[in-house]
Amino acid sequence: MAPIIITGELYDVSKTMGDLLVAELIIRTLSFIIGLVVISKAFEKYSK
C-alpha cells in the first residue's frame, strides 16, 4: 500500500524500484531537516 501512496503507481519491483528509492531518499531527507528545525526551535525556546 505504501508504494502506491508514495509513487502513485501499482507496485512492480522492476519498474518502480528506482522511483521508490528516490521517494524514500526525499522523505528521509525531509524528515531529517524537519527534525533539525524542531530541535533548534526547542533550543531557542528553552535558552531564553
Protein backbone atom coordinates (compact mmCIF):
# COMPACT_ATOMS: atom_id res chain seq x y z
CA MET A 1 0.00 0.00 0.00
CA ALA A 2 2.80 2.45 0.85
CA PRO A 3 4.46 2.26 -2.60
CA ILE A 4 1.13 3.13 -4.23
CA ILE A 5 0.74 6.16 -1.97
CA ILE A 6 4.33 7.35 -2.48
CA THR A 7 4.70 6.83 -6.23
CA GLY A 8 1.06 6.81 -7.32
CA GLU A 9 1.55 3.55 -9.23
CA LEU A 10 0.89 -0.11 -8.64
CA TYR A 11 3.75 -2.00 -7.06
CA ASP A 12 6.02 -3.50 -9.71
CA VAL A 13 9.50 -4.21 -8.37
CA SER A 14 11.37 -3.98 -11.67
CA LYS A 15 9.71 -0.74 -12.78
CA THR A 16 9.17 1.31 -9.61
CA MET A 17 12.22 0.35 -7.55
CA GLY A 18 14.17 3.41 -8.69
CA ASP A 19 11.21 5.71 -8.06
CA LEU A 20 10.73 4.15 -4.64
CA LEU A 21 14.37 4.71 -3.72
CA VAL A 22 14.15 8.35 -4.82
CA ALA A 23 10.92 8.85 -2.88
CA GLU A 24 12.42 7.21 0.20
CA LEU A 25 15.52 9.41 -0.05
CA ILE A 26 13.38 12.55 -0.34
CA ILE A 27 11.21 11.55 2.62
CA ARG A 28 14.22 10.67 4.79
CA THR A 29 15.93 13.97 3.92
CA LEU A 30 12.78 15.97 4.63
CA SER A 31 12.22 14.23 7.97
CA PHE A 32 15.87 14.84 8.93
CA ILE A 33 15.58 18.56 8.10
CA ILE A 34 12.26 18.86 9.95
CA GLY A 35 13.81 17.13 12.96
CA LEU A 36 16.73 19.57 12.99
CA VAL A 37 14.34 22.54 12.75
CA VAL A 38 12.24 21.23 15.64
CA ILE A 39 15.33 20.66 17.79
CA SER A 40 16.72 24.13 17.03
CA LYS A 41 13.35 25.74 17.83
CA ALA A 42 13.26 23.85 21.13
CA PHE A 43 16.78 25.05 21.98
CA GLU A 44 15.80 28.64 21.17
CA LYS A 45 12.69 28.37 23.34
CA TYR A 46 14.44 26.86 26.37
CA SER A 47 17.54 29.05 26.16
CA LYS A 48 15.54 32.23 26.76
